[in-house]
Structure formats: C-alpha cells, structure tokens
Amino acid sequence: MNNAQKRSKKERILDAAEELFALHGFDGVTIRQIAAQAQVDVALASYHFGKKRELFDAVFLRRAEILNEERLEALLKCQSESGTEGPSVEKIIEAFLRPLEMEQENADPGWKHYLALVAYINNSPIWGKELMSKYFDPLVTRFIEALKKALPGAKEEDIYWCYHNLSGALTLTLAQTGRIDKLSKGLCKSTDFRAAYDHMIPFIAAGFQRVCTKP
C-alpha cells in the first residue's frame, strides 16, 4: 500500500485541494478536478466538505491552526525569557517569522503548497481581508500588542503601516516567485529560506525602529 492509499480519503481530498488551489487559485479549480487528484468520487468530496467554498475554508484552516500555535508559542517564549523589560522589536519579529521558515523547510510538500496559498490569499483583494482576518488576525493582534510595548510612544498608525510592509515582504517570500533568483543572476535563491529570513528579520526590525521612533 502506497502513502496515498494509507492516508484517509478526507486527508487526500484536503491535500489535493491544497495543491490545486495553490497552483490555480479558487476560480481555477473544480471539485471534480480535486476529487480526481485525490482518487475519490466527486460525491465523497461533497459529502465531507459541501461546496467548493467550504472546502477552500477547510484547507486554509487546517494548517492555520498549526501556524498560530507555533507562532504564539514562540512569542510567549521570547516574552518569558526577556524579563520585566520585555523582548526587543527584533525578537518579536523573529518569533513571528521563524516558525514560517521552519515550515518552508519542512519535508512535507503540503507546507509548500499551503504557504503559497497563503501568499495568494494575502495578496487578493477578494480573499485577503476576509480569510486572513478570520484565521490570522487574533494572532497578529497579539504580536501588534507586543510591538506597542516594545515601542512606547509610537503612533499606532506607524506600527500598523510597518506591519503592512512586513506582510508584503513575507508574502513574496512565501510565494517563491523566483524573481530574486533572476534579478540577482543566481546570487540569491527564493528557495534559500534561511537566507531569506536572516535578512528579513533585522531589515523589518530596523524599519519598525526607524519609523516608530521618529523625533
């Protein structure tokens, strides 16, 4: 029995949907195509998840819960280790981003598909506000509150604009478009996740410090 057969049919539907949605977006995929890739009947996909939109939500939620747990754990850890002064901006940004690096380095190909799907959703005027808000905003709010404490006196709008820029840089890293590979003529690779996050964390932290501590 191969690995595909060992997984439950429900898991196979989620895995197939995750990959196809990441590759083609919501409108570019049918339930029939998902069922065919999962090697199940169309009726079974509908039985487990209902309409395509419900399946889309189920795909997005499945790993969002894991990411939220990992990132919250990282935030709480850096807060507990920093004492009464609280963590630095860079430590907070690192807690927010490193779990994503770990999952991008994960041998499970499902994480590559899922994070590409997150990039697609976060960059979409249709899906971004709805799904990102629904599944990630409670966690993001915890990090925003931590950043406010690390940047006393900062204007709230400055913190949110800095987060906006962080989200954009992260989205491009999750998407792995290969743009940096071509631009740098191979000096940088979009699949070099350690380098990507090692550069992004201090860069974003410095941006927060510069914008949020203006004289």
C-alpha atoms as a PDB file:
ATOM      1  CA  MET A   1       0.000   0.000   0.000  1.00  0.00           C
ATOM      2  CA  ASN A   2       1.491   3.376  -1.022  1.00  0.00           C
ATOM      3  CA  ASN A   3       1.450   6.550   1.038  1.00  0.00           C
ATOM      4  CA  ALA A   4      -1.510   7.995  -0.863  1.00  0.00           C
ATOM      5  CA  GLN A   5      -3.574   4.912  -0.057  1.00  0.00           C
ATOM      6  CA  LYS A   6      -2.572   4.973   3.616  1.00  0.00           C
ATOM      7  CA  ARG A   7      -3.897   8.492   4.121  1.00  0.00           C
ATOM      8  CA  SER A   8      -7.601   8.769   4.789  1.00  0.00           C
ATOM      9  CA  LYS A   9      -9.786   9.812   1.895  1.00  0.00           C
ATOM     10  CA  LYS A  10     -10.631  13.026   3.698  1.00  0.00           C
ATOM     11  CA  GLU A  11      -6.939  13.872   4.063  1.00  0.00           C
ATOM     12  CA  ARG A  12      -6.352  13.065   0.402  1.00  0.00           C
ATOM     13  CA  ILE A  13      -9.120  15.483  -0.577  1.00  0.00           C
ATOM     14  CA  LEU A  14      -7.599  18.227   1.578  1.00  0.00           C
ATOM     15  CA  ASP A  15      -4.100  17.580   0.212  1.00  0.00           C
ATOM     16  CA  ALA A  16      -5.297  17.612  -3.396  1.00  0.00           C
ATOM     17  CA  ALA A  17      -7.343  20.768  -2.869  1.00  0.00           C
ATOM     18  CA  GLU A  18      -4.422  22.470  -1.134  1.00  0.00           C
ATOM     19  CA  GLU A  19      -2.094  21.814  -4.063  1.00  0.00           C
ATOM     20  CA  LEU A  20      -4.583  22.725  -6.787  1.00  0.00           C
ATOM     21  CA  PHE A  21      -5.806  25.897  -5.065  1.00  0.00           C
ATOM     22  CA  ALA A  22      -2.171  26.969  -4.563  1.00  0.00           C
ATOM     23  CA  LEU A  23      -1.390  26.405  -8.232  1.00  0.00           C
ATOM     24  CA  HIS A  24      -4.550  27.744  -9.857  1.00  0.00           C
ATOM     25  CA  GLY A  25      -6.435  29.821  -7.286  1.00  0.00           C
ATOM     26  CA  PHE A  26     -10.015  29.364  -6.165  1.00  0.00           C
ATOM     27  CA  ASP A  27     -11.658  30.034  -9.519  1.00  0.00           C
ATOM     28  CA  GLY A  28      -9.233  27.878 -11.494  1.00  0.00           C
ATOM     29  CA  VAL A  29     -10.161  24.615  -9.760  1.00  0.00           C
ATOM     30  CA  THR A  30     -13.266  22.431  -9.759  1.00  0.00           C
ATOM     31  CA  ILE A  31     -14.430  19.889  -7.206  1.00  0.00           C
ATOM     32  CA  ARG A  32     -14.215  17.277  -9.956  1.00  0.00           C
ATOM     33  CA  GLN A  33     -10.517  18.042 -10.509  1.00  0.00           C
ATOM     34  CA  ILE A  34      -9.845  17.848  -6.780  1.00  0.00           C
ATOM     35  CA  ALA A  35     -11.656  14.518  -6.499  1.00  0.00           C
ATOM     36  CA  ALA A  36      -9.738  13.132  -9.466  1.00  0.00           C
ATOM     37  CA  GLN A  37      -6.363  14.086  -7.963  1.00  0.00           C
ATOM     38  CA  ALA A  38      -7.402  12.653  -4.601  1.00  0.00           C
ATOM     39  CA  GLN A  39      -8.638   9.477  -6.321  1.00  0.00           C
ATOM     40  CA  VAL A  40     -12.079   9.648  -4.752  1.00  0.00           C
ATOM     41  CA  ASP A  41     -15.619  10.071  -6.044  1.00  0.00           C
ATOM     42  CA  VAL A  42     -16.892  13.617  -6.507  1.00  0.00           C
ATOM     43  CA  ALA A  43     -19.826  12.770  -4.255  1.00  0.00           C
ATOM     44  CA  LEU A  44     -17.445  11.899  -1.406  1.00  0.00           C
ATOM     45  CA  ALA A  45     -15.701  15.279  -1.631  1.00  0.00           C
ATOM     46  CA  SER A  46     -19.082  16.992  -1.467  1.00  0.00           C
ATOM     47  CA  TYR A  47     -20.181  14.748   1.409  1.00  0.00           C
ATOM     48  CA  HIS A  48     -17.151  15.669   3.540  1.00  0.00           C
ATOM     49  CA  PHE A  49     -16.894  19.362   2.714  1.00  0.00           C
ATOM     50  CA  GLY A  50     -20.014  20.560   0.932  1.00  0.00           C
ATOM     51  CA  LYS A  51     -19.445  23.197  -1.734  1.00  0.00           C
ATOM     52  CA  LYS A  52     -16.077  24.318  -3.078  1.00  0.00           C
ATOM     53  CA  ARG A  53     -16.034  27.365  -0.817  1.00  0.00           C
ATOM     54  CA  GLU A  54     -16.405  25.207   2.303  1.00  0.00           C
ATOM     55  CA  LEU A  55     -13.538  23.018   1.097  1.00  0.00           C
ATOM     56  CA  PHE A  56     -11.409  26.110   0.451  1.00  0.00           C
ATOM     57  CA  ASP A  57     -12.006  27.268   4.035  1.00  0.00           C
ATOM     58  CA  ALA A  58     -11.222  23.816   5.422  1.00  0.00           C
ATOM     59  CA  VAL A  59      -7.918  23.739   3.540  1.00  0.00           C
ATOM     60  CA  PHE A  60      -6.959  27.159   4.834  1.00  0.00           C
ATOM     61  CA  LEU A  61      -7.933  26.422   8.442  1.00  0.00           C
ATOM     62  CA  ARG A  62      -6.115  23.087   8.705  1.00  0.00           C
ATOM     63  CA  ARG A  63      -2.573  24.442   8.794  1.00  0.00           C
ATOM     64  CA  ALA A  64      -3.516  27.922  10.045  1.00  0.00           C
ATOM     65  CA  GLU A  65      -4.233  26.368  13.428  1.00  0.00           C
ATOM     66  CA  ILE A  66      -0.779  24.766  13.480  1.00  0.00           C
ATOM     67  CA  LEU A  67       0.965  28.001  12.481  1.00  0.00           C
ATOM     68  CA  ASN A  68      -0.954  30.010  15.040  1.00  0.00           C
ATOM     69  CA  GLU A  69       0.067  27.625  17.812  1.00  0.00           C
ATOM     70  CA  GLU A  70       3.727  27.652  16.763  1.00  0.00           C
ATOM     71  CA  ARG A  71       3.930  31.434  16.478  1.00  0.00           C
ATOM     72  CA  LEU A  72       2.111  32.073  19.746  1.00  0.00           C
ATOM     73  CA  GLU A  73       4.437  29.627  21.499  1.00  0.00           C
ATOM     74  CA  ALA A  74       7.433  31.483  20.031  1.00  0.00           C
ATOM     75  CA  LEU A  75       6.043  34.835  21.207  1.00  0.00           C
ATOM     76  CA  LEU A  76       5.349  33.600  24.729  1.00  0.00           C
ATOM     77  CA  LYS A  77       8.812  32.055  24.914  1.00  0.00           C
ATOM     78  CA  CYS A  78      10.593  35.263  23.904  1.00  0.00           C
ATOM     79  CA  GLN A  79       8.449  37.232  26.347  1.00  0.00           C
ATOM     80  CA  SER A  80       9.192  34.873  29.235  1.00  0.00           C
ATOM     81  CA  GLU A  81      12.929  34.927  28.509  1.00  0.00           C
ATOM     82  CA  SER A  82      13.192  38.721  28.276  1.00  0.00           C
ATOM     83  CA  GLY A  83      12.274  39.568  31.871  1.00  0.00           C
ATOM     84  CA  THR A  84      10.463  42.685  33.011  1.00  0.00           C
ATOM     85  CA  GLU A  85      11.770  44.882  30.195  1.00  0.00           C
ATOM     86  CA  GLY A  86      10.065  42.723  27.582  1.00  0.00           C
ATOM     87  CA  PRO A  87      11.508  41.480  24.271  1.00  0.00           C
ATOM     88  CA  SER A  88      13.130  43.711  21.696  1.00  0.00           C
ATOM     89  CA  VAL A  89      11.433  44.530  18.420  1.00  0.00           C
ATOM     90  CA  GLU A  90      13.769  42.154  16.597  1.00  0.00           C
ATOM     91  CA  LYS A  91      12.987  39.290  18.977  1.00  0.00           C
ATOM     92  CA  ILE A  92       9.250  39.838  18.439  1.00  0.00           C
ATOM     93  CA  ILE A  93       9.684  39.890  14.651  1.00  0.00           C
ATOM     94  CA  GLU A  94      11.788  36.741  14.849  1.00  0.00           C
ATOM     95  CA  ALA A  95       9.078  34.967  16.866  1.00  0.00           C
ATOM     96  CA  PHE A  96       6.567  35.991  14.224  1.00  0.00           C
ATOM     97  CA  LEU A  97       8.643  34.818  11.245  1.00  0.00           C
ATOM     98  CA  ARG A  98      10.876  31.883  12.246  1.00  0.00           C
ATOM     99  CA  PRO A  99       8.013  29.352  12.506  1.00  0.00           C
ATOM    100  CA  LEU A 100       7.198  30.118   8.881  1.00  0.00           C
ATOM    101  CA  GLU A 101      10.804  29.473   7.898  1.00  0.00           C
ATOM    102  CA  MET A 102      10.694  26.149   9.719  1.00  0.00           C
ATOM    103  CA  GLU A 103       7.601  25.095   7.811  1.00  0.00           C
ATOM    104  CA  GLN A 104       9.040  26.219   4.488  1.00  0.00           C
ATOM    105  CA  GLU A 105      11.984  23.941   5.237  1.00  0.00           C
ATOM    106  CA  ASN A 106       9.605  21.113   6.165  1.00  0.00           C
ATOM    107  CA  ALA A 107       9.971  17.953   4.090  1.00  0.00           C
ATOM    108  CA  ASP A 108       6.179  17.702   3.815  1.00  0.00           C
ATOM    109  CA  PRO A 109       5.377  19.148   0.349  1.00  0.00           C
ATOM    110  CA  GLY A 110       1.962  20.139   1.666  1.00  0.00           C
ATOM    111  CA  TRP A 111       3.555  23.048   3.510  1.00  0.00           C
ATOM    112  CA  LYS A 112       4.975  24.444   0.270  1.00  0.00           C
ATOM    113  CA  HIS A 113       1.516  24.335  -1.283  1.00  0.00           C
ATOM    114  CA  TYR A 114      -0.147  25.778   1.797  1.00  0.00           C
ATOM    115  CA  LEU A 115       2.225  28.706   2.198  1.00  0.00           C
ATOM    116  CA  ALA A 116       1.927  29.511  -1.498  1.00  0.00           C
ATOM    117  CA  LEU A 117      -1.830  29.513  -0.922  1.00  0.00           C
ATOM    118  CA  VAL A 118      -1.400  31.920   2.000  1.00  0.00           C
ATOM    119  CA  ALA A 119       0.576  34.226  -0.301  1.00  0.00           C
ATOM    120  CA  TYR A 120      -2.198  34.040  -2.916  1.00  0.00           C
ATOM    121  CA  ILE A 121      -4.895  34.815  -0.349  1.00  0.00           C
ATOM    122  CA  ASN A 122      -2.941  37.589   1.389  1.00  0.00           C
ATOM    123  CA  ASN A 123      -2.386  39.285  -1.981  1.00  0.00           C
ATOM    124  CA  SER A 124      -6.018  39.023  -3.055  1.00  0.00           C
ATOM    125  CA  PRO A 125      -8.489  41.917  -2.636  1.00  0.00           C
ATOM    126  CA  ILE A 126     -11.249  39.305  -2.645  1.00  0.00           C
ATOM    127  CA  TRP A 127      -9.903  36.794  -0.132  1.00  0.00           C
ATOM    128  CA  GLY A 128      -7.258  38.671   1.832  1.00  0.00           C
ATOM    129  CA  LYS A 129      -9.450  40.806   4.050  1.00  0.00           C
ATOM    130  CA  GLU A 130     -11.900  38.007   4.748  1.00  0.00           C
ATOM    131  CA  LEU A 131      -9.807  34.874   5.271  1.00  0.00           C
ATOM    132  CA  MET A 132      -6.617  36.399   6.642  1.00  0.00           C
ATOM    133  CA  SER A 133      -8.704  38.419   9.091  1.00  0.00           C
ATOM    134  CA  LYS A 134     -10.751  35.416  10.123  1.00  0.00           C
ATOM    135  CA  TYR A 135      -7.913  32.964  10.695  1.00  0.00           C
ATOM    136  CA  PHE A 136      -4.844  35.082  11.493  1.00  0.00           C
ATOM    137  CA  ASP A 137      -5.908  38.456  12.908  1.00  0.00           C
ATOM    138  CA  PRO A 138      -6.299  37.279  16.541  1.00  0.00           C
ATOM    139  CA  LEU A 139      -2.676  36.088  16.492  1.00  0.00           C
ATOM    140  CA  VAL A 140      -1.416  39.155  14.616  1.00  0.00           C
ATOM    141  CA  THR A 141      -3.111  41.338  17.224  1.00  0.00           C
ATOM    142  CA  ARG A 142      -1.063  39.602  19.964  1.00  0.00           C
ATOM    143  CA  PHE A 143       2.131  40.495  18.113  1.00  0.00           C
ATOM    144  CA  ILE A 144       0.967  44.063  17.476  1.00  0.00           C
ATOM    145  CA  GLU A 145       0.350  44.492  21.202  1.00  0.00           C
ATOM    146  CA  ALA A 146       3.840  43.164  21.943  1.00  0.00           C
ATOM    147  CA  LEU A 147       5.316  45.632  19.435  1.00  0.00           C
ATOM    148  CA  LYS A 148       3.430  48.520  21.042  1.00  0.00           C
ATOM    149  CA  LYS A 149       5.075  47.668  24.372  1.00  0.00           C
ATOM    150  CA  ALA A 150       8.493  47.422  22.718  1.00  0.00           C
ATOM    151  CA  LEU A 151       7.942  50.789  21.009  1.00  0.00           C
ATOM    152  CA  PRO A 152       6.488  53.033  23.739  1.00  0.00           C
ATOM    153  CA  GLY A 153       5.322  56.358  22.403  1.00  0.00           C
ATOM    154  CA  ALA A 154       4.981  55.111  18.819  1.00  0.00           C
ATOM    155  CA  LYS A 155       1.942  56.193  16.879  1.00  0.00           C
ATOM    156  CA  GLU A 156      -0.421  53.286  16.357  1.00  0.00           C
ATOM    157  CA  GLU A 157      -0.779  54.061  12.663  1.00  0.00           C
ATOM    158  CA  ASP A 158       3.007  53.825  12.243  1.00  0.00           C
ATOM    159  CA  ILE A 159       3.042  50.364  13.799  1.00  0.00           C
ATOM    160  CA  TYR A 160       0.244  49.194  11.517  1.00  0.00           C
ATOM    161  CA  TRP A 161       1.949  50.594   8.409  1.00  0.00           C
ATOM    162  CA  CYS A 162       5.156  48.822   9.397  1.00  0.00           C
ATOM    163  CA  TYR A 163       3.207  45.601   9.832  1.00  0.00           C
ATOM    164  CA  HIS A 164       1.714  46.190   6.377  1.00  0.00           C
ATOM    165  CA  ASN A 165       5.242  46.290   4.929  1.00  0.00           C
ATOM    166  CA  LEU A 166       6.226  43.195   6.894  1.00  0.00           C
ATOM    167  CA  SER A 167       3.225  41.358   5.486  1.00  0.00           C
ATOM    168  CA  GLY A 168       4.208  42.320   1.947  1.00  0.00           C
ATOM    169  CA  ALA A 169       7.784  41.082   2.321  1.00  0.00           C
ATOM    170  CA  LEU A 170       6.563  37.868   3.886  1.00  0.00           C
ATOM    171  CA  THR A 171       4.023  37.281   1.125  1.00  0.00           C
ATOM    172  CA  LEU A 172       6.734  37.496  -1.536  1.00  0.00           C
ATOM    173  CA  THR A 173       8.928  35.075   0.423  1.00  0.00           C
ATOM    174  CA  LEU A 174       6.074  32.581   0.806  1.00  0.00           C
ATOM    175  CA  ALA A 175       5.186  32.811  -2.893  1.00  0.00           C
ATOM    176  CA  GLN A 176       8.687  31.774  -4.070  1.00  0.00           C
ATOM    177  CA  THR A 177       8.234  33.514  -7.415  1.00  0.00           C
ATOM    178  CA  GLY A 178      11.889  33.160  -8.388  1.00  0.00           C
ATOM    179  CA  ARG A 179      12.086  36.890  -9.101  1.00  0.00           C
ATOM    180  CA  ILE A 180      15.105  37.413  -6.834  1.00  0.00           C
ATOM    181  CA  ASP A 181      16.873  34.459  -8.489  1.00  0.00           C
ATOM    182  CA  LYS A 182      16.643  36.111 -11.893  1.00  0.00           C
ATOM    183  CA  LEU A 183      17.337  39.646 -10.706  1.00  0.00           C
ATOM    184  CA  SER A 184      20.468  38.593  -8.782  1.00  0.00           C
ATOM    185  CA  LYS A 185      21.607  36.265 -11.591  1.00  0.00           C
ATOM    186  CA  GLY A 186      21.612  33.340  -9.173  1.00  0.00           C
ATOM    187  CA  LEU A 187      23.364  35.048  -6.247  1.00  0.00           C
ATOM    188  CA  CYS A 188      20.138  34.785  -4.229  1.00  0.00           C
ATOM    189  CA  LYS A 189      17.619  31.961  -4.398  1.00  0.00           C
ATOM    190  CA  SER A 190      13.966  32.149  -3.379  1.00  0.00           C
ATOM    191  CA  THR A 191      14.326  28.604  -2.011  1.00  0.00           C
ATOM    192  CA  ASP A 192      17.112  29.640   0.384  1.00  0.00           C
ATOM    193  CA  PHE A 193      14.744  30.153   3.287  1.00  0.00           C
ATOM    194  CA  ARG A 194      17.409  30.624   5.947  1.00  0.00           C
ATOM    195  CA  ALA A 195      18.979  33.474   3.978  1.00  0.00           C
ATOM    196  CA  ALA A 196      15.566  34.984   3.255  1.00  0.00           C
ATOM    197  CA  TYR A 197      14.542  35.110   6.918  1.00  0.00           C
ATOM    198  CA  ASP A 198      18.024  36.000   8.191  1.00  0.00           C
ATOM    199  CA  HIS A 199      17.827  39.127   6.027  1.00  0.00           C
ATOM    200  CA  MET A 200      14.141  39.878   6.516  1.00  0.00           C
ATOM    201  CA  ILE A 201      14.107  39.833  10.333  1.00  0.00           C
ATOM    202  CA  PRO A 202      16.746  42.555  11.001  1.00  0.00           C
ATOM    203  CA  PHE A 203      15.566  44.562   7.973  1.00  0.00           C
ATOM    204  CA  ILE A 204      11.971  44.674   9.203  1.00  0.00           C
ATOM    205  CA  ALA A 205      13.013  45.307  12.803  1.00  0.00           C
ATOM    206  CA  ALA A 206      15.152  48.259  11.709  1.00  0.00           C
ATOM    207  CA  GLY A 207      12.207  49.603   9.719  1.00  0.00           C
ATOM    208  CA  PHE A 208       9.961  49.488  12.773  1.00  0.00           C
ATOM    209  CA  GLN A 209      12.602  51.243  14.848  1.00  0.00           C
ATOM    210  CA  ARG A 210      13.177  53.962  12.254  1.00  0.00           C
ATOM    211  CA  VAL A 211       9.522  54.707  11.508  1.00  0.00           C
ATOM    212  CA  CYS A 212       8.115  54.281  15.001  1.00  0.00           C
ATOM    213  CA  THR A 213      10.759  56.276  16.889  1.00  0.00           C
ATOM    214  CA  LYS A 214      10.771  59.375  14.711  1.00  0.00           C
ATOM    215  CA  PRO A 215      11.748  62.563  16.591  1.00  0.00           C
END
